[in-house]
N, C-alpha and C. Protein backbone atom coordinates (compact mmCIF):
# COMPACT_ATOMS: atom_id res chain seq x y z
N UNK A 1 198.42 179.94 118.69
CA UNK A 1 197.85 178.76 118.08
C UNK A 1 199.18 178.07 117.71
N UNK A 2 199.51 176.57 117.99
CA UNK A 2 200.24 175.99 117.61
C UNK A 2 200.02 175.19 116.40
N UNK A 3 200.90 175.64 115.64
CA UNK A 3 200.95 175.09 114.07
C UNK A 3 201.22 173.64 114.55
N UNK A 4 202.06 173.27 114.88
CA UNK A 4 202.69 172.00 115.04
C UNK A 4 201.34 170.88 115.69
N UNK A 5 200.55 171.30 116.49
CA UNK A 5 199.65 170.64 116.97
C UNK A 5 198.38 170.41 115.84
N UNK A 6 198.32 171.43 115.37
CA UNK A 6 197.11 171.62 114.12
C UNK A 6 197.56 170.74 113.01
N UNK A 7 199.09 170.47 112.48
CA UNK A 7 199.56 169.82 111.59
C UNK A 7 199.44 168.53 112.04
N UNK A 8 199.69 167.91 113.17
CA UNK A 8 199.46 166.81 113.63
C UNK A 8 198.25 166.18 113.85
N UNK A 9 197.06 166.97 114.04
CA UNK A 9 195.71 166.55 114.10
C UNK A 9 195.39 166.73 112.48
N UNK A 10 195.86 167.53 111.62
CA UNK A 10 195.27 167.60 110.18
C UNK A 10 195.68 165.90 109.51
N UNK A 11 196.61 165.39 109.90
CA UNK A 11 197.19 164.11 109.34
C UNK A 11 196.11 162.91 109.55
N UNK A 12 194.81 162.98 110.54
CA UNK A 12 194.08 162.10 110.90
C UNK A 12 192.74 162.61 109.49
N UNK A 13 192.95 163.40 108.69
CA UNK A 13 192.00 163.79 107.70
C UNK A 13 192.68 163.45 106.26
N UNK A 14 191.87 163.11 105.10
CA UNK A 14 192.39 163.19 103.71
C UNK A 14 192.80 164.26 102.94
N UNK A 15 193.49 165.07 103.92
CA UNK A 15 193.91 166.54 103.31
C UNK A 15 195.13 166.14 102.33
N UNK A 16 194.93 166.78 101.04
CA UNK A 16 195.88 166.47 100.19
C UNK A 16 197.29 167.39 100.36
N UNK A 17 196.92 168.83 100.31
CA UNK A 17 198.07 169.81 100.43
C UNK A 17 197.40 170.95 101.19
N UNK A 18 198.57 171.52 101.85
CA UNK A 18 197.97 172.40 103.00
C UNK A 18 199.24 173.68 103.09
N UNK A 19 198.64 175.11 103.43
CA UNK A 19 199.80 175.62 103.79
C UNK A 19 199.11 176.87 104.76
N UNK A 20 199.95 177.13 105.80
CA UNK A 20 199.76 178.10 106.25
C UNK A 20 200.21 179.65 105.53
N UNK A 21 199.28 180.57 105.94
CA UNK A 21 199.22 181.65 104.83
C UNK A 21 199.09 182.99 105.72
N UNK A 22 199.47 183.71 105.35
CA UNK A 22 199.15 185.55 105.85
C UNK A 22 197.81 186.06 104.95
N UNK A 23 196.63 186.64 105.89
CA UNK A 23 195.95 187.17 104.92
C UNK A 23 196.49 188.34 103.63
N UNK A 24 197.67 189.07 104.11
CA UNK A 24 197.93 189.62 102.98
C UNK A 24 198.57 188.90 101.56
N UNK A 25 198.55 187.55 101.88
CA UNK A 25 199.14 186.83 100.54
C UNK A 25 197.85 186.45 99.48
N UNK A 26 196.60 187.16 100.00
CA UNK A 26 195.38 187.02 99.16
C UNK A 26 195.15 187.93 98.34
N UNK A 27 194.84 187.68 97.08
CA UNK A 27 194.41 188.52 96.02
C UNK A 27 193.22 188.63 95.71
N UNK A 28 192.64 189.65 95.75
CA UNK A 28 191.24 190.32 95.63
C UNK A 28 191.01 190.77 94.36
N UNK A 29 189.94 190.19 93.31
CA UNK A 29 189.54 190.74 92.23
C UNK A 29 188.39 190.97 91.92
N UNK A 30 187.96 191.91 91.60
CA UNK A 30 186.47 192.13 91.05
C UNK A 30 185.94 191.56 89.93
N UNK A 31 186.89 190.98 88.98
CA UNK A 31 186.78 189.72 88.12
C UNK A 31 186.45 188.63 88.46
N UNK A 32 186.73 187.92 89.69
CA UNK A 32 186.49 186.88 90.16
C UNK A 32 184.77 187.03 90.49
N UNK A 33 184.45 188.05 91.31
CA UNK A 33 182.99 188.24 91.35
C UNK A 33 182.49 188.33 90.09
N UNK A 34 182.51 188.96 89.30
CA UNK A 34 182.06 188.99 87.70
C UNK A 34 181.76 187.62 87.39
N UNK A 35 182.53 186.64 87.57
CA UNK A 35 182.09 185.39 87.05
C UNK A 35 180.96 185.05 87.93
N UNK A 36 180.90 185.01 89.24
CA UNK A 36 179.61 184.87 90.31
C UNK A 36 178.82 185.16 89.61
N UNK A 37 178.61 186.64 89.53
CA UNK A 37 177.48 187.50 88.87
C UNK A 37 176.77 186.94 87.38
N UNK A 38 177.67 186.66 86.55
CA UNK A 38 177.30 186.45 85.21
C UNK A 38 177.39 184.84 84.64
N UNK A 39 177.82 183.88 85.77
CA UNK A 39 177.82 182.55 85.01
C UNK A 39 177.30 181.48 86.24
N UNK A 40 177.03 182.07 87.71
CA UNK A 40 176.41 181.03 88.58
C UNK A 40 175.20 181.47 88.67
N UNK A 41 174.44 180.17 88.57
CA UNK A 41 173.18 180.38 88.64
C UNK A 41 172.63 180.53 90.29
N UNK A 42 173.43 180.71 91.24
CA UNK A 42 173.19 180.74 92.74
C UNK A 42 173.43 182.42 93.18
N UNK A 43 174.11 182.91 92.18
CA UNK A 43 174.01 184.35 92.43
C UNK A 43 172.91 185.20 92.82
N UNK A 44 173.12 185.78 94.25
CA UNK A 44 171.83 186.43 94.73
C UNK A 44 170.58 185.55 95.34
N UNK A 45 171.08 183.96 95.47
CA UNK A 45 170.01 183.44 95.87
C UNK A 45 170.35 182.59 97.27
N UNK A 46 171.57 182.99 97.90
CA UNK A 46 172.09 182.21 99.08
C UNK A 46 172.96 183.07 99.80
N UNK A 47 172.97 183.03 101.15
CA UNK A 47 173.83 183.49 102.03
C UNK A 47 175.58 183.43 101.83
N UNK A 48 175.78 182.52 101.16
CA UNK A 48 177.06 182.07 101.01
C UNK A 48 177.52 182.62 99.55
N UNK A 49 176.61 183.18 98.72
CA UNK A 49 176.81 183.64 97.74
C UNK A 49 176.71 185.29 97.49
N UNK A 50 177.54 185.92 96.61
CA UNK A 50 177.10 187.25 96.27
C UNK A 50 175.58 187.62 96.04
N UNK A 51 175.35 188.64 96.33
CA UNK A 51 176.03 189.82 96.87
C UNK A 51 175.72 189.76 98.49
N UNK A 52 175.43 188.47 99.01
CA UNK A 52 174.84 188.49 100.54
C UNK A 52 176.31 189.13 101.38
N UNK A 53 177.29 188.79 101.00
CA UNK A 53 178.61 188.72 101.85
C UNK A 53 179.08 190.21 101.76
N UNK A 54 178.66 191.15 101.09
CA UNK A 54 179.03 192.70 100.76
C UNK A 54 179.93 192.49 99.71
N UNK A 55 180.52 193.51 99.53
CA UNK A 55 181.32 193.98 98.31
C UNK A 55 182.64 193.25 98.38
N UNK A 56 183.48 192.91 97.26
CA UNK A 56 184.77 192.67 97.42
C UNK A 56 185.66 193.32 98.19
N UNK A 57 185.60 194.79 98.37
CA UNK A 57 186.29 195.35 99.22
C UNK A 57 185.96 195.21 100.76
N UNK A 58 184.66 194.92 101.10
CA UNK A 58 184.34 194.72 102.25
C UNK A 58 184.68 193.40 102.80
N UNK A 59 184.75 192.26 101.77
CA UNK A 59 185.28 191.06 102.02
C UNK A 59 187.04 191.24 102.47
N UNK A 60 187.46 191.98 101.48
CA UNK A 60 189.03 192.14 101.48
C UNK A 60 189.28 192.65 103.07
N UNK A 61 188.52 193.59 103.58
CA UNK A 61 188.77 194.31 104.86
C UNK A 61 188.49 193.30 106.16
N UNK A 62 187.34 192.40 105.92
CA UNK A 62 186.87 191.29 106.65
C UNK A 62 188.33 190.61 106.72
N UNK A 63 188.48 189.90 105.75
CA UNK A 63 189.83 188.94 105.67
C UNK A 63 191.20 189.52 106.28
N UNK A 64 191.28 190.72 106.10
CA UNK A 64 192.75 191.49 106.44
C UNK A 64 192.53 191.65 108.06
N UNK A 65 191.12 191.60 108.50
CA UNK A 65 191.14 191.76 110.12
C UNK A 65 191.73 190.43 110.88
N UNK A 66 192.00 189.36 110.08
CA UNK A 66 192.49 188.27 110.69
C UNK A 66 193.92 188.09 110.70
N UNK A 67 194.42 187.35 111.73
CA UNK A 67 195.75 187.27 111.76
C UNK A 67 196.76 186.25 111.35
N UNK A 68 195.96 185.33 110.73
CA UNK A 68 196.57 184.43 109.71
C UNK A 68 195.74 183.52 109.13
N UNK A 69 196.12 182.43 108.54
CA UNK A 69 195.38 181.56 107.58
C UNK A 69 195.63 180.41 107.07
N UNK A 70 194.93 179.40 106.65
CA UNK A 70 195.16 178.17 106.38
C UNK A 70 194.43 177.79 105.15
N UNK A 71 195.10 177.32 104.08
CA UNK A 71 194.39 176.64 102.82
C UNK A 71 194.84 175.22 102.88
N UNK A 72 193.78 174.54 102.52
CA UNK A 72 193.95 173.17 102.08
C UNK A 72 193.19 172.67 100.89
N UNK A 73 193.53 171.52 100.33
CA UNK A 73 192.55 170.53 99.56
C UNK A 73 192.47 169.32 99.81
N UNK A 74 191.46 168.87 99.35
CA UNK A 74 190.83 167.33 99.11
C UNK A 74 191.01 167.37 97.65
N UNK A 75 191.02 165.95 97.49
CA UNK A 75 190.75 165.48 95.86
C UNK A 75 189.83 164.21 95.86
N UNK A 76 188.91 164.13 94.76
CA UNK A 76 188.14 163.22 94.69
C UNK A 76 188.11 162.65 93.23
N UNK A 77 188.31 161.68 93.02
CA UNK A 77 188.25 160.75 91.87
C UNK A 77 187.02 160.72 90.98
N UNK A 78 186.74 161.17 89.89
CA UNK A 78 185.78 160.96 89.09
C UNK A 78 185.87 160.46 87.87
N UNK A 79 184.88 159.77 87.18
CA UNK A 79 184.94 159.36 85.86
C UNK A 79 185.05 160.18 84.46
N UNK A 80 184.52 161.18 85.01
CA UNK A 80 184.32 162.65 83.82
C UNK A 80 184.46 163.78 84.66
N UNK A 81 185.42 164.38 84.69
CA UNK A 81 185.38 165.98 85.20
C UNK A 81 184.43 166.85 84.58
N UNK A 82 184.26 166.56 83.46
CA UNK A 82 183.37 167.59 82.87
C UNK A 82 181.61 167.52 83.10
N UNK A 83 181.66 166.25 83.75
CA UNK A 83 180.20 165.71 84.33
C UNK A 83 179.97 166.74 85.54
N UNK A 84 179.27 167.70 85.60
CA UNK A 84 179.10 168.49 86.80
C UNK A 84 178.30 167.89 87.39
N UNK A 85 177.07 167.18 87.58
CA UNK A 85 176.57 166.24 88.38
C UNK A 85 177.44 165.46 89.30
N UNK A 86 178.28 164.65 88.71
CA UNK A 86 179.23 163.89 88.95
C UNK A 86 180.31 164.35 90.02
N UNK A 87 180.68 165.49 89.61
CA UNK A 87 181.96 166.02 90.25
C UNK A 87 181.24 167.03 91.41
N UNK A 88 180.14 167.63 91.39
CA UNK A 88 179.46 168.11 92.67
C UNK A 88 179.04 167.33 93.49
N UNK A 89 178.91 166.10 93.15
CA UNK A 89 178.30 164.89 94.27
C UNK A 89 179.49 164.67 95.35
N UNK A 90 180.86 165.13 94.61
CA UNK A 90 181.78 165.05 95.91
C UNK A 90 182.43 165.91 96.51
N UNK A 91 181.60 167.09 96.47
CA UNK A 91 181.75 168.22 97.29
C UNK A 91 181.49 167.69 98.83
N UNK A 92 180.42 167.21 99.05
CA UNK A 92 180.00 167.25 100.21
C UNK A 92 180.81 166.54 101.34
N UNK A 93 181.68 165.56 100.87
CA UNK A 93 182.88 165.27 101.80
C UNK A 93 183.67 166.10 101.95
N UNK A 94 184.00 166.95 101.03
CA UNK A 94 185.04 168.15 101.19
C UNK A 94 184.49 168.96 102.40
N UNK A 95 183.38 169.22 102.20
CA UNK A 95 182.58 170.13 103.31
C UNK A 95 182.70 169.63 104.76
N UNK A 96 182.48 168.25 104.81
CA UNK A 96 182.36 167.65 105.99
C UNK A 96 183.88 167.43 106.61
N UNK A 97 184.88 167.44 105.65
CA UNK A 97 186.19 167.61 106.56
C UNK A 97 186.53 169.17 106.82
N UNK A 98 186.20 170.16 105.67
CA UNK A 98 186.17 171.31 106.29
C UNK A 98 185.73 171.67 107.82
N UNK A 99 184.60 170.90 108.08
CA UNK A 99 183.99 171.29 109.41
C UNK A 99 185.02 170.71 110.32
N UNK A 100 185.37 169.58 110.14
CA UNK A 100 186.43 168.70 111.10
C UNK A 100 187.52 169.96 111.22
N UNK A 101 188.19 170.47 110.22
CA UNK A 101 189.45 171.16 110.20
C UNK A 101 188.97 172.33 111.01
N UNK A 102 187.78 172.94 110.64
CA UNK A 102 187.49 174.35 111.46
C UNK A 102 187.38 174.01 112.85
N UNK A 103 186.88 172.97 113.41
CA UNK A 103 186.70 172.51 114.73
C UNK A 103 187.99 172.60 115.34
N UNK A 104 189.30 172.15 114.57
CA UNK A 104 190.51 172.01 115.14
C UNK A 104 190.95 173.33 115.52
N UNK A 105 190.57 174.13 114.37
CA UNK A 105 191.16 175.74 114.69
C UNK A 105 190.40 176.30 115.68
N UNK A 106 189.01 176.14 116.10
CA UNK A 106 188.27 176.92 116.81
C UNK A 106 188.63 176.35 118.42
N UNK A 107 189.10 174.93 118.51
CA UNK A 107 190.01 174.98 119.68
C UNK A 107 191.31 175.66 120.28
N UNK A 108 191.78 176.40 119.38
CA UNK A 108 192.96 176.96 119.53
C UNK A 108 192.76 178.53 119.21
N UNK A 109 191.70 178.82 118.56
CA UNK A 109 191.49 180.59 118.13
C UNK A 109 190.36 181.08 118.44
N UNK A 110 190.69 182.60 118.58
CA UNK A 110 189.59 183.27 119.08
C UNK A 110 188.04 183.17 118.21
N UNK A 111 188.51 183.39 116.80
CA UNK A 111 187.76 183.54 115.84
C UNK A 111 188.22 182.79 114.63
N UNK A 112 187.41 182.02 113.96
CA UNK A 112 187.68 181.66 112.58
C UNK A 112 186.81 182.08 111.57
N UNK A 113 186.94 182.27 110.20
CA UNK A 113 186.28 182.45 109.10
C UNK A 113 186.65 181.60 108.27
N UNK A 114 185.62 180.59 107.83
CA UNK A 114 185.88 179.45 106.91
C UNK A 114 185.06 179.89 105.31
N UNK A 115 185.97 179.91 104.40
CA UNK A 115 185.41 179.80 103.02
C UNK A 115 185.73 178.58 102.35
N UNK A 116 184.82 178.20 101.53
CA UNK A 116 185.04 177.06 101.04
C UNK A 116 184.58 176.82 99.57
N UNK A 117 183.97 175.78 99.13
CA UNK A 117 183.66 175.26 97.81
C UNK A 117 182.00 175.88 97.55
N UNK A 118 181.96 176.51 96.17
CA UNK A 118 180.54 176.58 95.46
C UNK A 118 179.61 177.09 96.56
N UNK A 119 178.30 177.06 96.10
CA UNK A 119 177.26 177.57 97.13
C UNK A 119 177.02 176.73 97.97
N UNK A 120 176.55 177.12 99.09
CA UNK A 120 176.03 176.16 100.23
C UNK A 120 174.97 175.25 99.91
N UNK A 121 174.75 174.11 100.27
CA UNK A 121 173.94 173.35 99.82
C UNK A 121 173.34 172.51 101.19
N UNK A 122 173.36 173.32 102.37
CA UNK A 122 173.07 172.95 103.60
C UNK A 122 171.38 172.40 103.70
N UNK A 123 170.53 173.80 103.06
CA UNK A 123 169.10 173.68 103.11
C UNK A 123 168.73 173.31 101.56
N UNK A 124 167.34 172.75 101.33
CA UNK A 124 166.94 172.41 100.27
C UNK A 124 166.42 173.67 99.45
N UNK A 125 166.22 174.80 100.25
CA UNK A 125 165.77 176.28 99.81
C UNK A 125 166.31 177.09 100.78
N UNK A 126 167.30 178.15 100.52
CA UNK A 126 167.71 179.04 101.27
C UNK A 126 166.92 180.08 101.62
N UNK A 127 166.94 180.77 102.84
CA UNK A 127 166.02 181.66 103.46
C UNK A 127 166.45 183.15 103.03
N UNK A 128 167.51 183.20 102.03
CA UNK A 128 167.98 184.39 101.56
C UNK A 128 166.76 184.97 100.69
N UNK A 129 166.74 186.21 100.72
CA UNK A 129 166.95 187.35 101.38
C UNK A 129 166.06 187.51 102.59
N UNK A 130 165.22 186.74 102.77
CA UNK A 130 163.88 187.21 103.61
C UNK A 130 164.12 186.86 104.99
N UNK A 131 164.98 185.78 105.40
CA UNK A 131 165.06 185.45 106.77
C UNK A 131 166.83 185.33 106.93
N UNK A 132 167.27 185.43 108.35
CA UNK A 132 168.47 184.85 108.35
C UNK A 132 168.84 183.40 108.15
N UNK A 133 170.10 182.88 107.88
CA UNK A 133 170.55 181.87 107.62
C UNK A 133 170.34 180.75 108.66
N UNK A 134 169.51 179.62 108.43
CA UNK A 134 169.15 178.71 109.17
C UNK A 134 170.29 177.94 109.94
N UNK A 135 171.75 177.72 109.36
CA UNK A 135 172.64 177.05 109.98
C UNK A 135 173.95 177.79 109.90
N UNK A 136 174.12 179.07 110.27
CA UNK A 136 175.13 179.80 110.09
C UNK A 136 176.58 179.09 110.49
N UNK A 137 176.25 177.93 111.44
CA UNK A 137 177.58 176.99 111.73
C UNK A 137 177.96 176.63 110.83
N UNK A 138 177.18 176.00 109.92
CA UNK A 138 177.46 175.00 108.54
C UNK A 138 177.95 175.73 107.59
N UNK A 139 177.22 176.89 107.42
CA UNK A 139 177.34 177.62 105.95
C UNK A 139 178.37 178.53 105.74
N UNK A 140 179.26 177.98 104.74
CA UNK A 140 180.43 178.47 104.30
C UNK A 140 180.57 179.19 103.16
N UNK A 141 180.87 180.62 103.13
CA UNK A 141 180.67 181.12 101.80
C UNK A 141 181.70 180.48 100.78
N UNK A 142 181.55 180.79 99.65
CA UNK A 142 182.73 180.16 98.54
C UNK A 142 183.77 181.14 98.77
N UNK A 143 185.10 180.78 98.63
CA UNK A 143 186.31 181.51 98.34
C UNK A 143 186.15 182.64 97.38
N UNK A 144 185.85 181.98 96.10
CA UNK A 144 185.49 183.11 94.82
C UNK A 144 184.57 184.16 95.12
N UNK A 145 183.63 183.88 96.11
CA UNK A 145 182.26 184.93 96.32
C UNK A 145 182.82 186.02 97.17
N UNK A 146 184.13 185.69 97.74
CA UNK A 146 184.75 186.88 98.26
C UNK A 146 185.82 187.54 97.51
N UNK A 147 185.68 187.19 96.01
CA UNK A 147 186.61 188.07 95.25
C UNK A 147 188.16 187.50 95.18
N UNK A 148 188.45 186.38 95.87
CA UNK A 148 189.74 185.58 95.96
C UNK A 148 190.11 184.98 95.03
N UNK A 149 191.23 185.19 94.34
CA UNK A 149 191.89 184.42 93.43
C UNK A 149 192.67 183.30 93.88
N UNK A 150 191.76 182.19 94.14
CA UNK A 150 192.57 180.88 94.84
C UNK A 150 193.59 180.26 93.99
N UNK A 151 193.54 180.43 92.75
CA UNK A 151 194.72 179.86 92.15
C UNK A 151 196.12 180.72 92.18
N UNK A 152 195.97 181.75 92.42
CA UNK A 152 197.07 182.69 92.80
C UNK A 152 197.79 182.46 94.09
N UNK A 153 196.77 182.28 95.06
CA UNK A 153 197.37 181.86 96.45
C UNK A 153 198.09 180.14 96.25
N UNK A 154 197.45 179.35 95.39
CA UNK A 154 197.73 178.12 95.46
C UNK A 154 199.20 178.19 95.04
N UNK A 155 199.31 178.92 93.81
CA UNK A 155 200.52 179.07 93.12
C UNK A 155 201.51 179.34 94.08
N UNK A 156 201.32 180.62 94.85
CA UNK A 156 201.97 181.20 95.67
C UNK A 156 202.69 180.31 97.04
N UNK A 157 202.06 179.24 97.36
CA UNK A 157 202.26 178.22 98.41
C UNK A 157 202.43 176.78 97.65
N UNK A 158 202.78 176.75 96.31
CA UNK A 158 203.05 175.27 95.78
C UNK A 158 201.94 174.37 95.97
N UNK A 159 200.52 174.69 95.98
CA UNK A 159 199.51 173.94 95.72
C UNK A 159 198.94 173.79 94.71
N UNK A 160 199.07 172.13 94.49
CA UNK A 160 198.50 171.92 93.01
C UNK A 160 197.11 172.15 92.73
N UNK A 161 196.57 172.72 91.67
CA UNK A 161 195.06 172.80 91.61
C UNK A 161 194.40 171.98 90.39
N UNK A 162 195.66 171.84 89.35
CA UNK A 162 195.32 170.76 88.33
C UNK A 162 195.84 169.54 88.61
N UNK A 163 194.71 168.49 88.78
CA UNK A 163 195.42 167.10 89.55
C UNK A 163 195.16 166.27 88.41
N UNK A 164 194.62 166.53 87.13
CA UNK A 164 194.54 165.37 86.15
C UNK A 164 192.96 165.47 85.59
N UNK A 165 192.71 164.73 84.90
CA UNK A 165 191.44 164.66 84.04
C UNK A 165 190.39 164.04 85.08
N UNK A 166 190.55 163.09 85.50
CA UNK A 166 189.60 162.39 86.47
C UNK A 166 189.86 162.70 88.17
N UNK A 167 190.62 163.73 88.42
CA UNK A 167 190.67 164.30 89.97
C UNK A 167 189.96 165.71 90.32
N UNK A 168 189.02 165.84 90.84
CA UNK A 168 188.57 167.23 91.26
C UNK A 168 189.31 167.43 92.61
N UNK A 169 189.49 168.74 92.55
CA UNK A 169 190.57 169.31 93.53
C UNK A 169 189.46 170.23 94.20
N UNK A 170 189.23 170.31 95.54
CA UNK A 170 188.48 171.03 96.31
C UNK A 170 189.26 172.06 97.20
N UNK A 171 188.89 173.01 97.39
CA UNK A 171 189.77 174.02 98.28
C UNK A 171 188.82 174.68 99.40
N UNK A 172 189.56 174.86 100.54
CA UNK A 172 189.08 175.55 101.70
C UNK A 172 190.16 176.44 102.30
N UNK A 173 189.75 177.54 102.62
CA UNK A 173 190.32 178.74 103.50
C UNK A 173 189.79 178.97 104.67
N UNK A 174 190.67 178.96 105.54
CA UNK A 174 190.43 179.47 107.00
C UNK A 174 191.20 180.74 107.28
N UNK A 175 190.63 181.49 107.84
CA UNK A 175 191.34 182.63 108.39
C UNK A 175 191.00 182.90 109.85
N UNK A 176 191.95 183.07 111.07
CA UNK A 176 191.87 183.07 112.07
C UNK A 176 192.32 184.26 112.81
N UNK A 177 191.96 184.22 114.02
CA UNK A 177 192.57 185.44 115.13
C UNK A 177 192.76 184.59 116.27
N UNK A 178 193.98 184.68 116.73
CA UNK A 178 194.63 184.14 117.65
C UNK A 178 194.06 184.66 119.34
């Protein structure tokens, strides 16, 4: 994979910050999954959320099977970051950009795993657990659902995650095999 080509292509998108990483840079914590289990209303209701993707250890092993990674952010301005409805309304633009970035990597890599924001919102009602995901090509599990401490990864690579009271920072993580 040619990082220079990817970097040049990414300039076409409103990506705020990014870094190429190694899977070994990822910190996996059961406590991150605990937050999913105890605070997220989507827990157990979506293919993109726990427990559908397996245990944190299974997620760690899956991530470690990749040869490289790429983390990036986009930002969105809101009037009140505490207004979850307004904040979440900005997420779909980030997911659209994530699909484009995924396609750039798929053009150069054998396999790409995409982890992104929140719970999948592609379908009005998720097929989980009764049937397979209807749109596996558009469904990106949440980074935190894998137990990944994204703030640690951001700090290690100089990526800002607190951009002010009116800016939402969205993260996506791509892991790839060359």
